[in-house]
Amino acid sequence: MIKVLVTDDEPLIRAGIKMILTSADDIEVVGEAGNGREAVELARAGRVDVVLLDIQMPVMDGLTALTELRKAVPQTNVLILTTFGEQQNVLRALTEGSAGFLLKDSAPGELIGAVRAAAAGDAYLSPGATRHVVDSLATGRHASRVEQARRRLAALTPREQEVLALLGEGLSNADAGARLHMSEATVKTYVSRILAKLGCENRVQAALLARDAGLGV
């Protein structure tokens, strides 16, 4: 059973998310928090597999809470809840170790799928926002960062670069496997190898590095 902590300062949003998640047989909402500080305290107090974390909250915002959660419960994956217009916050969250992000107006099935992916260590980037965020990152690239990213990617084999390019598009392991005519398990093995070679904490960071290098653009 996947244990989830829902964090948002709006009770109605928390209630809606909880209703959607509890409709899945393999997901249990074990707690709710109205701000980042409550989320950190609840995650420390008991086992939580995935924390859904809003960015804009009182007392402690989501980005500060993310930093605290990564220190206190590094085994817990954090999915950022966001809206369009918060791209820079999302980029910061991804580079600081978030498992991915999800738009608040996502379909119920996408919410459930994102939680399952995060719990499995298969970080999730909402297809509805991935391109927008990546484009925001690309427009702000500096030449030194591009060169640094390309040097790091030089350590990868051509096949590993192919897999990484698809991660940069926001594809799941299953979708990447279908594109490359590989099994999902094989893609997962490639992803693990890529993360180790690049020194990335998760696939989201690797995807952003790929975009910095212009891979697949």
N, C-alpha and C. Protein backbone atom coordinates (compact mmCIF):
# COMPACT_ATOMS: atom_id res chain seq x y z
N MET A 1 0.83 -1.19 0.00
CA MET A 1 0.00 0.00 0.00
C MET A 1 0.88 1.26 0.00
N ILE A 2 0.59 2.18 -0.90
CA ILE A 2 1.34 3.44 -0.99
C ILE A 2 0.75 4.44 0.00
N LYS A 3 1.58 4.91 0.92
CA LYS A 3 1.11 5.84 1.95
C LYS A 3 1.43 7.27 1.52
N VAL A 4 0.40 8.11 1.48
CA VAL A 4 0.53 9.47 0.93
C VAL A 4 0.14 10.52 1.96
N LEU A 5 0.90 11.61 1.98
CA LEU A 5 0.59 12.78 2.80
C LEU A 5 0.24 13.91 1.85
N VAL A 6 -0.96 14.48 2.02
CA VAL A 6 -1.44 15.56 1.15
C VAL A 6 -1.25 16.90 1.84
N THR A 7 -0.54 17.83 1.19
CA THR A 7 -0.24 19.12 1.79
C THR A 7 -0.72 20.26 0.90
N ASP A 8 -1.68 21.02 1.42
CA ASP A 8 -2.20 22.21 0.72
C ASP A 8 -2.93 23.05 1.76
N ASP A 9 -2.83 24.36 1.64
CA ASP A 9 -3.47 25.21 2.64
C ASP A 9 -4.97 25.39 2.41
N GLU A 10 -5.49 24.85 1.30
CA GLU A 10 -6.93 24.94 1.03
C GLU A 10 -7.60 23.60 1.32
N PRO A 11 -8.47 23.56 2.35
CA PRO A 11 -9.13 22.30 2.74
C PRO A 11 -9.89 21.62 1.60
N LEU A 12 -10.53 22.40 0.74
CA LEU A 12 -11.30 21.80 -0.34
C LEU A 12 -10.41 21.07 -1.33
N ILE A 13 -9.24 21.64 -1.60
CA ILE A 13 -8.29 20.97 -2.51
C ILE A 13 -7.78 19.69 -1.88
N ARG A 14 -7.46 19.74 -0.58
CA ARG A 14 -7.00 18.53 0.10
C ARG A 14 -8.08 17.45 0.05
N ALA A 15 -9.32 17.86 0.29
CA ALA A 15 -10.43 16.89 0.29
C ALA A 15 -10.61 16.26 -1.09
N GLY A 16 -10.49 17.08 -2.13
CA GLY A 16 -10.64 16.55 -3.48
C GLY A 16 -9.54 15.58 -3.85
N ILE A 17 -8.31 15.92 -3.49
CA ILE A 17 -7.17 15.04 -3.76
C ILE A 17 -7.33 13.73 -3.01
N LYS A 18 -7.73 13.82 -1.75
CA LYS A 18 -7.90 12.62 -0.93
C LYS A 18 -8.97 11.71 -1.52
N MET A 19 -10.07 12.30 -1.96
CA MET A 19 -11.16 11.50 -2.54
C MET A 19 -10.68 10.74 -3.78
N ILE A 20 -9.89 11.42 -4.62
CA ILE A 20 -9.38 10.78 -5.83
C ILE A 20 -8.41 9.65 -5.48
N LEU A 21 -7.47 9.93 -4.59
CA LEU A 21 -6.45 8.94 -4.27
C LEU A 21 -7.02 7.71 -3.58
N THR A 22 -7.98 7.91 -2.68
CA THR A 22 -8.53 6.77 -1.95
C THR A 22 -9.42 5.89 -2.83
N SER A 23 -9.72 6.35 -4.05
CA SER A 23 -10.48 5.50 -4.97
C SER A 23 -9.60 4.40 -5.56
N ALA A 24 -8.28 4.56 -5.40
CA ALA A 24 -7.34 3.54 -5.89
C ALA A 24 -7.09 2.51 -4.79
N ASP A 25 -7.10 1.25 -5.15
CA ASP A 25 -6.96 0.16 -4.16
C ASP A 25 -5.59 0.12 -3.50
N ASP A 26 -4.57 0.67 -4.16
CA ASP A 26 -3.21 0.54 -3.65
C ASP A 26 -2.68 1.82 -3.01
N ILE A 27 -3.55 2.82 -2.79
CA ILE A 27 -3.12 4.09 -2.21
C ILE A 27 -3.91 4.40 -0.95
N GLU A 28 -3.19 4.84 0.08
CA GLU A 28 -3.82 5.24 1.34
C GLU A 28 -3.32 6.63 1.74
N VAL A 29 -4.26 7.55 1.97
CA VAL A 29 -3.89 8.88 2.45
C VAL A 29 -3.77 8.80 3.97
N VAL A 30 -2.56 8.90 4.47
CA VAL A 30 -2.30 8.70 5.90
C VAL A 30 -2.29 10.01 6.68
N GLY A 31 -2.35 11.14 5.96
CA GLY A 31 -2.36 12.40 6.68
C GLY A 31 -2.58 13.58 5.76
N GLU A 32 -2.98 14.70 6.35
CA GLU A 32 -3.16 15.95 5.63
C GLU A 32 -2.45 17.06 6.39
N ALA A 33 -1.87 18.01 5.66
CA ALA A 33 -1.18 19.14 6.28
C ALA A 33 -1.60 20.42 5.57
N GLY A 34 -1.70 21.51 6.36
CA GLY A 34 -2.11 22.78 5.80
C GLY A 34 -0.97 23.72 5.51
N ASN A 35 0.26 23.31 5.87
CA ASN A 35 1.44 24.11 5.56
C ASN A 35 2.67 23.21 5.58
N GLY A 36 3.78 23.77 5.15
CA GLY A 36 5.00 22.98 5.03
C GLY A 36 5.52 22.44 6.35
N ARG A 37 5.40 23.22 7.41
CA ARG A 37 5.90 22.78 8.70
C ARG A 37 5.15 21.55 9.19
N GLU A 38 3.81 21.57 9.03
CA GLU A 38 3.02 20.41 9.41
C GLU A 38 3.41 19.18 8.58
N ALA A 39 3.69 19.39 7.31
CA ALA A 39 4.07 18.28 6.43
C ALA A 39 5.36 17.63 6.91
N VAL A 40 6.35 18.45 7.25
CA VAL A 40 7.63 17.91 7.72
C VAL A 40 7.43 17.14 9.03
N GLU A 41 6.65 17.69 9.95
CA GLU A 41 6.42 17.03 11.24
C GLU A 41 5.70 15.70 11.06
N LEU A 42 4.69 15.67 10.20
CA LEU A 42 3.93 14.43 9.98
C LEU A 42 4.78 13.39 9.26
N ALA A 43 5.59 13.81 8.32
CA ALA A 43 6.46 12.86 7.60
C ALA A 43 7.50 12.27 8.53
N ARG A 44 8.00 13.07 9.45
CA ARG A 44 8.97 12.56 10.42
C ARG A 44 8.33 11.56 11.39
N ALA A 45 7.06 11.80 11.70
CA ALA A 45 6.38 11.00 12.74
C ALA A 45 6.04 9.58 12.31
N GLY A 46 5.87 9.36 11.02
CA GLY A 46 5.49 8.02 10.57
C GLY A 46 5.88 7.78 9.14
N ARG A 47 5.78 6.54 8.72
CA ARG A 47 6.20 6.18 7.37
C ARG A 47 5.28 6.82 6.32
N VAL A 48 5.87 7.55 5.40
CA VAL A 48 5.16 8.14 4.28
C VAL A 48 5.96 7.85 3.02
N ASP A 49 5.30 7.32 2.00
CA ASP A 49 6.00 7.01 0.74
C ASP A 49 6.08 8.22 -0.17
N VAL A 50 4.98 8.99 -0.24
CA VAL A 50 4.91 10.13 -1.15
C VAL A 50 4.25 11.31 -0.43
N VAL A 51 4.86 12.49 -0.56
CA VAL A 51 4.25 13.73 -0.06
C VAL A 51 3.85 14.56 -1.26
N LEU A 52 2.56 14.92 -1.32
CA LEU A 52 2.08 15.88 -2.31
C LEU A 52 2.19 17.25 -1.66
N LEU A 53 2.92 18.17 -2.29
CA LEU A 53 3.30 19.41 -1.62
C LEU A 53 2.99 20.63 -2.49
N ASP A 54 2.10 21.49 -1.98
CA ASP A 54 1.81 22.75 -2.66
C ASP A 54 3.00 23.70 -2.46
N ILE A 55 3.18 24.65 -3.36
CA ILE A 55 4.29 25.60 -3.24
C ILE A 55 3.92 26.79 -2.36
N GLN A 56 2.81 27.44 -2.67
CA GLN A 56 2.42 28.66 -1.95
C GLN A 56 1.58 28.30 -0.74
N MET A 57 2.18 28.38 0.46
CA MET A 57 1.49 28.08 1.71
C MET A 57 1.99 28.99 2.83
N PRO A 58 1.17 29.20 3.85
CA PRO A 58 1.61 30.00 5.00
C PRO A 58 2.53 29.21 5.91
N VAL A 59 3.12 29.90 6.89
CA VAL A 59 3.98 29.32 7.93
C VAL A 59 5.30 28.82 7.34
N MET A 60 5.23 27.82 6.46
CA MET A 60 6.41 27.34 5.73
C MET A 60 5.98 26.99 4.32
N ASP A 61 6.59 27.62 3.32
CA ASP A 61 6.21 27.35 1.94
C ASP A 61 6.71 25.99 1.48
N GLY A 62 6.22 25.57 0.33
CA GLY A 62 6.55 24.24 -0.16
C GLY A 62 8.01 24.02 -0.49
N LEU A 63 8.69 25.05 -1.01
CA LEU A 63 10.09 24.90 -1.36
C LEU A 63 10.97 24.72 -0.13
N THR A 64 10.67 25.47 0.93
CA THR A 64 11.41 25.30 2.18
C THR A 64 11.12 23.93 2.77
N ALA A 65 9.85 23.52 2.71
CA ALA A 65 9.48 22.21 3.23
C ALA A 65 10.17 21.09 2.46
N LEU A 66 10.31 21.26 1.14
CA LEU A 66 11.00 20.26 0.32
C LEU A 66 12.43 20.07 0.82
N THR A 67 13.13 21.17 1.07
CA THR A 67 14.50 21.09 1.57
C THR A 67 14.55 20.34 2.89
N GLU A 68 13.61 20.65 3.79
CA GLU A 68 13.57 20.00 5.09
C GLU A 68 13.23 18.51 4.97
N LEU A 69 12.31 18.19 4.08
CA LEU A 69 11.92 16.79 3.88
C LEU A 69 13.07 15.97 3.31
N ARG A 70 13.82 16.53 2.38
CA ARG A 70 14.94 15.80 1.79
C ARG A 70 16.01 15.49 2.84
N LYS A 71 16.13 16.37 3.83
CA LYS A 71 17.09 16.12 4.90
C LYS A 71 16.54 15.13 5.93
N ALA A 72 15.28 15.32 6.32
CA ALA A 72 14.69 14.55 7.42
C ALA A 72 14.27 13.15 7.00
N VAL A 73 13.65 13.03 5.83
CA VAL A 73 13.15 11.72 5.37
C VAL A 73 13.52 11.52 3.90
N PRO A 74 14.80 11.34 3.60
CA PRO A 74 15.25 11.25 2.21
C PRO A 74 14.64 10.10 1.43
N GLN A 75 14.13 9.10 2.15
CA GLN A 75 13.51 7.96 1.46
C GLN A 75 12.10 8.28 0.96
N THR A 76 11.54 9.40 1.39
CA THR A 76 10.20 9.81 0.98
C THR A 76 10.29 10.67 -0.27
N ASN A 77 9.47 10.34 -1.26
CA ASN A 77 9.47 11.09 -2.51
C ASN A 77 8.45 12.22 -2.44
N VAL A 78 8.82 13.38 -2.98
CA VAL A 78 7.97 14.57 -2.92
C VAL A 78 7.52 14.98 -4.31
N LEU A 79 6.20 15.06 -4.49
CA LEU A 79 5.62 15.56 -5.73
C LEU A 79 5.10 16.97 -5.49
N ILE A 80 5.51 17.91 -6.33
CA ILE A 80 5.10 19.29 -6.19
C ILE A 80 3.77 19.52 -6.92
N LEU A 81 2.82 20.13 -6.22
CA LEU A 81 1.56 20.54 -6.83
C LEU A 81 1.72 21.98 -7.31
N THR A 82 1.38 22.25 -8.55
CA THR A 82 1.65 23.57 -9.08
C THR A 82 0.57 24.03 -10.04
N THR A 83 0.67 25.28 -10.46
CA THR A 83 -0.20 25.86 -11.48
C THR A 83 0.70 26.55 -12.48
N PHE A 84 0.18 26.84 -13.66
CA PHE A 84 0.94 27.62 -14.63
C PHE A 84 1.25 28.98 -14.01
N GLY A 85 2.42 29.52 -14.31
CA GLY A 85 2.82 30.79 -13.73
C GLY A 85 3.82 30.60 -12.60
N GLU A 86 4.07 29.35 -12.20
CA GLU A 86 5.02 29.08 -11.12
C GLU A 86 6.25 28.34 -11.63
N GLN A 87 6.57 28.51 -12.91
CA GLN A 87 7.62 27.72 -13.53
C GLN A 87 8.96 27.83 -12.81
N GLN A 88 9.35 29.05 -12.42
CA GLN A 88 10.65 29.21 -11.79
C GLN A 88 10.72 28.47 -10.46
N ASN A 89 9.62 28.50 -9.71
CA ASN A 89 9.57 27.74 -8.46
C ASN A 89 9.69 26.25 -8.72
N VAL A 90 9.02 25.80 -9.78
CA VAL A 90 9.07 24.38 -10.13
C VAL A 90 10.49 23.97 -10.50
N LEU A 91 11.17 24.80 -11.29
CA LEU A 91 12.54 24.48 -11.69
C LEU A 91 13.44 24.36 -10.47
N ARG A 92 13.26 25.26 -9.51
CA ARG A 92 14.06 25.18 -8.28
C ARG A 92 13.75 23.90 -7.53
N ALA A 93 12.47 23.55 -7.46
CA ALA A 93 12.07 22.33 -6.75
C ALA A 93 12.69 21.10 -7.39
N LEU A 94 12.69 21.05 -8.72
CA LEU A 94 13.24 19.88 -9.41
C LEU A 94 14.73 19.75 -9.17
N THR A 95 15.44 20.86 -9.21
CA THR A 95 16.88 20.79 -9.02
C THR A 95 17.24 20.49 -7.57
N GLU A 96 16.32 20.70 -6.65
CA GLU A 96 16.60 20.43 -5.24
C GLU A 96 16.10 19.06 -4.78
N GLY A 97 15.66 18.24 -5.72
CA GLY A 97 15.37 16.86 -5.36
C GLY A 97 13.93 16.42 -5.36
N SER A 98 13.01 17.26 -5.89
CA SER A 98 11.63 16.81 -6.00
C SER A 98 11.53 15.66 -6.99
N ALA A 99 10.58 14.77 -6.75
CA ALA A 99 10.38 13.64 -7.65
C ALA A 99 9.63 14.04 -8.91
N GLY A 100 9.18 15.29 -8.97
CA GLY A 100 8.47 15.75 -10.15
C GLY A 100 7.39 16.74 -9.78
N PHE A 101 6.55 17.05 -10.75
CA PHE A 101 5.49 18.01 -10.48
C PHE A 101 4.21 17.63 -11.20
N LEU A 102 3.10 18.15 -10.66
CA LEU A 102 1.78 17.80 -11.16
C LEU A 102 0.92 19.06 -11.13
N LEU A 103 0.23 19.33 -12.21
CA LEU A 103 -0.67 20.48 -12.23
C LEU A 103 -1.90 20.20 -11.38
N LYS A 104 -2.38 21.22 -10.68
CA LYS A 104 -3.53 21.03 -9.79
C LYS A 104 -4.80 20.68 -10.55
N ASP A 105 -4.87 21.04 -11.81
CA ASP A 105 -6.07 20.72 -12.59
C ASP A 105 -5.90 19.45 -13.42
N SER A 106 -4.94 18.61 -13.04
CA SER A 106 -4.73 17.35 -13.75
C SER A 106 -5.93 16.43 -13.59
N ALA A 107 -6.10 15.52 -14.53
CA ALA A 107 -7.17 14.54 -14.46
C ALA A 107 -6.93 13.58 -13.30
N PRO A 108 -7.99 13.03 -12.73
CA PRO A 108 -7.84 12.08 -11.60
C PRO A 108 -6.89 10.93 -11.91
N GLY A 109 -7.00 10.38 -13.10
CA GLY A 109 -6.11 9.27 -13.45
C GLY A 109 -4.65 9.67 -13.47
N GLU A 110 -4.38 10.90 -13.87
CA GLU A 110 -2.99 11.37 -13.90
C GLU A 110 -2.45 11.53 -12.48
N LEU A 111 -3.28 12.03 -11.58
CA LEU A 111 -2.88 12.17 -10.18
C LEU A 111 -2.51 10.82 -9.59
N ILE A 112 -3.35 9.83 -9.81
CA ILE A 112 -3.08 8.48 -9.29
C ILE A 112 -1.81 7.91 -9.92
N GLY A 113 -1.66 8.09 -11.23
CA GLY A 113 -0.48 7.59 -11.92
C GLY A 113 0.80 8.25 -11.44
N ALA A 114 0.72 9.55 -11.15
CA ALA A 114 1.89 10.27 -10.67
C ALA A 114 2.33 9.77 -9.31
N VAL A 115 1.38 9.51 -8.44
CA VAL A 115 1.70 9.01 -7.10
C VAL A 115 2.32 7.61 -7.20
N ARG A 116 1.76 6.78 -8.05
CA ARG A 116 2.33 5.43 -8.23
C ARG A 116 3.75 5.50 -8.79
N ALA A 117 3.96 6.39 -9.76
CA ALA A 117 5.29 6.54 -10.35
C ALA A 117 6.30 7.01 -9.31
N ALA A 118 5.92 8.02 -8.53
CA ALA A 118 6.83 8.56 -7.51
C ALA A 118 7.16 7.50 -6.47
N ALA A 119 6.16 6.73 -6.06
CA ALA A 119 6.38 5.69 -5.06
C ALA A 119 7.33 4.62 -5.56
N ALA A 120 7.32 4.39 -6.87
CA ALA A 120 8.20 3.38 -7.47
C ALA A 120 9.57 3.92 -7.81
N GLY A 121 9.79 5.21 -7.50
CA GLY A 121 11.07 5.82 -7.83
C GLY A 121 11.16 6.27 -9.27
N ASP A 122 10.01 6.23 -9.97
CA ASP A 122 9.96 6.61 -11.39
C ASP A 122 9.37 8.01 -11.45
N ALA A 123 10.17 9.03 -11.18
CA ALA A 123 9.70 10.40 -10.99
C ALA A 123 8.82 10.88 -12.14
N TYR A 124 7.91 11.78 -11.81
CA TYR A 124 6.86 12.15 -12.74
C TYR A 124 6.90 13.63 -13.10
N LEU A 125 6.84 13.92 -14.40
CA LEU A 125 6.69 15.29 -14.88
C LEU A 125 5.37 15.36 -15.63
N SER A 126 4.48 16.22 -15.19
CA SER A 126 3.17 16.33 -15.81
C SER A 126 3.31 16.66 -17.29
N PRO A 127 2.75 15.83 -18.19
CA PRO A 127 2.86 16.11 -19.62
C PRO A 127 2.27 17.47 -19.98
N GLY A 128 1.29 17.92 -19.21
CA GLY A 128 0.65 19.20 -19.51
C GLY A 128 1.53 20.40 -19.24
N ALA A 129 2.62 20.21 -18.49
CA ALA A 129 3.47 21.34 -18.14
C ALA A 129 4.93 21.13 -18.49
N THR A 130 5.32 19.92 -18.80
CA THR A 130 6.73 19.62 -19.04
C THR A 130 7.34 20.52 -20.11
N ARG A 131 6.73 20.61 -21.26
CA ARG A 131 7.29 21.39 -22.35
C ARG A 131 7.40 22.86 -21.98
N HIS A 132 6.38 23.37 -21.27
CA HIS A 132 6.39 24.78 -20.89
C HIS A 132 7.55 25.07 -19.94
N VAL A 133 7.74 24.21 -18.96
CA VAL A 133 8.81 24.41 -18.00
C VAL A 133 10.18 24.24 -18.66
N VAL A 134 10.29 23.23 -19.48
CA VAL A 134 11.57 22.98 -20.17
C VAL A 134 11.93 24.15 -21.08
N ASP A 135 10.94 24.70 -21.77
CA ASP A 135 11.20 25.85 -22.63
C ASP A 135 11.64 27.06 -21.81
N SER A 136 11.05 27.22 -20.62
CA SER A 136 11.46 28.31 -19.75
C SER A 136 12.91 28.16 -19.34
N LEU A 137 13.29 26.92 -19.08
CA LEU A 137 14.67 26.66 -18.71
C LEU A 137 15.61 26.93 -19.89
N ALA A 138 15.19 26.48 -21.06
CA ALA A 138 16.04 26.61 -22.24
C ALA A 138 16.32 28.07 -22.59
N THR A 139 15.32 28.94 -22.42
CA THR A 139 15.52 30.33 -22.77
C THR A 139 16.51 31.03 -21.85
N GLY A 140 16.71 30.45 -20.67
CA GLY A 140 17.62 31.07 -19.73
C GLY A 140 18.96 30.38 -19.63
N ARG A 141 19.26 29.51 -20.58
CA ARG A 141 20.52 28.78 -20.52
C ARG A 141 21.70 29.69 -20.78
N HIS A 142 22.75 29.46 -20.02
CA HIS A 142 24.00 30.19 -20.24
C HIS A 142 24.98 29.25 -20.93
N ALA A 143 25.86 29.81 -21.72
CA ALA A 143 26.80 29.00 -22.50
C ALA A 143 27.64 28.10 -21.61
N SER A 144 28.05 28.61 -20.44
CA SER A 144 28.89 27.80 -19.56
C SER A 144 28.13 26.60 -19.03
N ARG A 145 26.84 26.77 -18.76
CA ARG A 145 26.03 25.68 -18.26
C ARG A 145 25.79 24.65 -19.35
N VAL A 146 25.58 25.12 -20.56
CA VAL A 146 25.40 24.21 -21.69
C VAL A 146 26.66 23.36 -21.89
N GLU A 147 27.81 23.99 -21.86
CA GLU A 147 29.07 23.28 -22.05
C GLU A 147 29.30 22.27 -20.94
N GLN A 148 29.00 22.67 -19.71
CA GLN A 148 29.17 21.76 -18.58
C GLN A 148 28.26 20.54 -18.72
N ALA A 149 27.02 20.77 -19.13
CA ALA A 149 26.07 19.67 -19.31
C ALA A 149 26.54 18.72 -20.41
N ARG A 150 27.05 19.28 -21.50
CA ARG A 150 27.51 18.44 -22.60
C ARG A 150 28.73 17.61 -22.21
N ARG A 151 29.59 18.17 -21.38
CA ARG A 151 30.74 17.39 -20.91
C ARG A 151 30.28 16.21 -20.06
N ARG A 152 29.30 16.44 -19.22
CA ARG A 152 28.80 15.36 -18.37
C ARG A 152 28.13 14.27 -19.20
N LEU A 153 27.39 14.67 -20.21
CA LEU A 153 26.69 13.70 -21.04
C LEU A 153 27.63 12.90 -21.93
N ALA A 154 28.85 13.39 -22.11
CA ALA A 154 29.83 12.68 -22.93
C ALA A 154 30.20 11.33 -22.32
N ALA A 155 29.92 11.17 -21.02
CA ALA A 155 30.23 9.90 -20.35
C ALA A 155 29.23 8.80 -20.70
N LEU A 156 28.13 9.18 -21.34
CA LEU A 156 27.09 8.21 -21.66
C LEU A 156 27.32 7.57 -23.02
N THR A 157 26.88 6.32 -23.16
CA THR A 157 26.91 5.66 -24.46
C THR A 157 25.81 6.25 -25.34
N PRO A 158 25.88 6.05 -26.66
CA PRO A 158 24.82 6.56 -27.55
C PRO A 158 23.43 6.06 -27.15
N ARG A 159 23.34 4.81 -26.73
CA ARG A 159 22.03 4.27 -26.34
C ARG A 159 21.53 4.94 -25.06
N GLU A 160 22.43 5.17 -24.12
CA GLU A 160 22.05 5.86 -22.89
C GLU A 160 21.59 7.28 -23.19
N GLN A 161 22.22 7.91 -24.16
CA GLN A 161 21.80 9.26 -24.54
C GLN A 161 20.41 9.24 -25.18
N GLU A 162 20.12 8.18 -25.93
CA GLU A 162 18.78 8.04 -26.51
C GLU A 162 17.73 7.95 -25.42
N VAL A 163 18.01 7.14 -24.41
CA VAL A 163 17.07 6.98 -23.29
C VAL A 163 16.92 8.31 -22.56
N LEU A 164 18.04 8.98 -22.31
CA LEU A 164 18.00 10.25 -21.60
C LEU A 164 17.21 11.31 -22.37
N ALA A 165 17.33 11.33 -23.68
CA ALA A 165 16.59 12.29 -24.49
C ALA A 165 15.09 12.12 -24.29
N LEU A 166 14.65 10.88 -24.16
CA LEU A 166 13.22 10.62 -23.95
C LEU A 166 12.78 11.03 -22.54
N LEU A 167 13.69 10.89 -21.57
CA LEU A 167 13.38 11.39 -20.23
C LEU A 167 13.18 12.90 -20.29
N GLY A 168 13.98 13.56 -21.11
CA GLY A 168 13.86 15.00 -21.26
C GLY A 168 12.53 15.42 -21.85
N GLU A 169 11.88 14.50 -22.57
CA GLU A 169 10.55 14.78 -23.12
C GLU A 169 9.46 14.49 -22.10
N GLY A 170 9.85 13.94 -20.94
CA GLY A 170 8.86 13.63 -19.91
C GLY A 170 8.23 12.26 -20.05
N LEU A 171 8.83 11.38 -20.85
CA LEU A 171 8.25 10.05 -21.06
C LEU A 171 8.51 9.15 -19.85
N SER A 172 7.57 8.28 -19.57
CA SER A 172 7.74 7.28 -18.52
C SER A 172 8.63 6.17 -19.04
N ASN A 173 9.04 5.26 -18.15
CA ASN A 173 9.85 4.11 -18.58
C ASN A 173 9.10 3.29 -19.62
N ALA A 174 7.81 3.09 -19.39
CA ALA A 174 7.01 2.27 -20.31
C ALA A 174 6.93 2.93 -21.69
N ASP A 175 6.68 4.24 -21.73
CA ASP A 175 6.57 4.94 -23.01
C ASP A 175 7.92 5.00 -23.73
N ALA A 176 9.00 5.21 -22.96
CA ALA A 176 10.33 5.23 -23.56
C ALA A 176 10.66 3.86 -24.14
N GLY A 177 10.27 2.80 -23.43
CA GLY A 177 10.51 1.45 -23.91
C GLY A 177 9.79 1.18 -25.22
N ALA A 178 8.54 1.66 -25.30
CA ALA A 178 7.77 1.46 -26.53
C ALA A 178 8.42 2.20 -27.69
N ARG A 179 8.94 3.40 -27.43
CA ARG A 179 9.57 4.19 -28.47
C ARG A 179 10.86 3.52 -28.96
N LEU A 180 11.61 2.91 -28.04
CA LEU A 180 12.91 2.33 -28.38
C LEU A 180 12.86 0.81 -28.58
N HIS A 181 11.66 0.25 -28.52
CA HIS A 181 11.48 -1.19 -28.68
C HIS A 181 12.26 -1.97 -27.61
N MET A 182 12.15 -1.50 -26.36
CA MET A 182 12.76 -2.16 -25.21
C MET A 182 11.67 -2.49 -24.20
N SER A 183 11.99 -3.40 -23.30
CA SER A 183 11.07 -3.67 -22.20
C SER A 183 11.18 -2.55 -21.18
N GLU A 184 10.13 -2.39 -20.38
CA GLU A 184 10.15 -1.36 -19.34
C GLU A 184 11.29 -1.62 -18.35
N ALA A 185 11.53 -2.90 -18.04
CA ALA A 185 12.60 -3.26 -17.10
C ALA A 185 13.97 -2.87 -17.64
N THR A 186 14.16 -3.04 -18.95
CA THR A 186 15.44 -2.67 -19.57
C THR A 186 15.65 -1.17 -19.49
N VAL A 187 14.59 -0.39 -19.76
CA VAL A 187 14.70 1.07 -19.66
C VAL A 187 15.04 1.48 -18.24
N LYS A 188 14.41 0.82 -17.27
CA LYS A 188 14.67 1.15 -15.87
C LYS A 188 16.14 0.91 -15.53
N THR A 189 16.72 -0.16 -16.08
CA THR A 189 18.13 -0.45 -15.86
C THR A 189 19.00 0.65 -16.48
N TYR A 190 18.64 1.08 -17.68
CA TYR A 190 19.36 2.17 -18.32
C TYR A 190 19.29 3.45 -17.49
N VAL A 191 18.09 3.74 -16.97
CA VAL A 191 17.91 4.96 -16.18
C VAL A 191 18.80 4.93 -14.94
N SER A 192 18.85 3.80 -14.26
CA SER A 192 19.70 3.67 -13.08
C SER A 192 21.16 3.91 -13.43
N ARG A 193 21.58 3.36 -14.56
CA ARG A 193 22.96 3.53 -15.01
C ARG A 193 23.25 4.99 -15.36
N ILE A 194 22.29 5.64 -16.01
CA ILE A 194 22.44 7.04 -16.40
C ILE A 194 22.57 7.93 -15.16
N LEU A 195 21.72 7.70 -14.17
CA LEU A 195 21.77 8.51 -12.95
C LEU A 195 23.11 8.36 -12.24
N ALA A 196 23.62 7.13 -12.21
CA ALA A 196 24.91 6.89 -11.56
C ALA A 196 26.03 7.61 -12.30
N LYS A 197 26.03 7.54 -13.62
CA LYS A 197 27.10 8.16 -14.40
C LYS A 197 27.06 9.69 -14.31
N LEU A 198 25.85 10.25 -14.26
CA LEU A 198 25.71 11.71 -14.26
C LEU A 198 25.76 12.30 -12.85
N GLY A 199 25.66 11.43 -11.84
CA GLY A 199 25.65 11.93 -10.47
C GLY A 199 24.36 12.66 -10.13
N CYS A 200 23.26 12.26 -10.77
CA CYS A 200 21.96 12.89 -10.53
C CYS A 200 21.19 12.12 -9.47
N GLU A 201 20.44 12.86 -8.67
CA GLU A 201 19.67 12.23 -7.59
C GLU A 201 18.45 11.50 -8.12
N ASN A 202 17.84 12.01 -9.17
CA ASN A 202 16.65 11.36 -9.74
C ASN A 202 16.56 11.67 -11.23
N ARG A 203 15.60 11.05 -11.87
CA ARG A 203 15.46 11.17 -13.32
C ARG A 203 15.06 12.58 -13.76
N VAL A 204 14.41 13.31 -12.87
CA VAL A 204 14.02 14.67 -13.20
C VAL A 204 15.26 15.55 -13.38
N GLN A 205 16.21 15.42 -12.46
CA GLN A 205 17.45 16.18 -12.58
C GLN A 205 18.20 15.79 -13.85
N ALA A 206 18.18 14.50 -14.18
CA ALA A 206 18.84 14.04 -15.40
C ALA A 206 18.16 14.62 -16.63
N ALA A 207 16.83 14.69 -16.61
CA ALA A 207 16.08 15.24 -17.74
C ALA A 207 16.41 16.72 -17.94
N LEU A 208 16.53 17.46 -16.84
CA LEU A 208 16.87 18.87 -16.94
C LEU A 208 18.30 19.06 -17.46
N LEU A 209 19.20 18.16 -17.06
CA LEU A 209 20.56 18.22 -17.55
C LEU A 209 20.58 17.96 -19.05
N ALA A 210 19.75 17.03 -19.50
CA ALA A 210 19.66 16.73 -20.94
C ALA A 210 19.18 17.95 -21.71
N ARG A 211 18.21 18.66 -21.14
CA ARG A 211 17.71 19.85 -21.81
C ARG A 211 18.75 20.96 -21.84
N ASP A 212 19.53 21.07 -20.77
CA ASP A 212 20.62 22.06 -20.73
C ASP A 212 21.60 21.79 -21.88
N ALA A 213 21.86 20.52 -22.11
CA ALA A 213 22.84 20.15 -23.15
C ALA A 213 22.25 20.21 -24.56
N GLY A 214 20.93 20.42 -24.61
CA GLY A 214 20.28 20.46 -25.92
C GLY A 214 20.00 19.10 -26.49
N LEU A 215 20.05 18.06 -25.67
CA LEU A 215 19.83 16.69 -26.14
C LEU A 215 18.37 16.49 -26.49
N GLY A 216 18.13 16.08 -27.71
CA GLY A 216 16.77 15.79 -28.15
C GLY A 216 15.97 17.01 -28.55
N VAL A 217 16.57 18.21 -28.43
CA VAL A 217 15.85 19.44 -28.77
C VAL A 217 15.75 19.60 -30.28
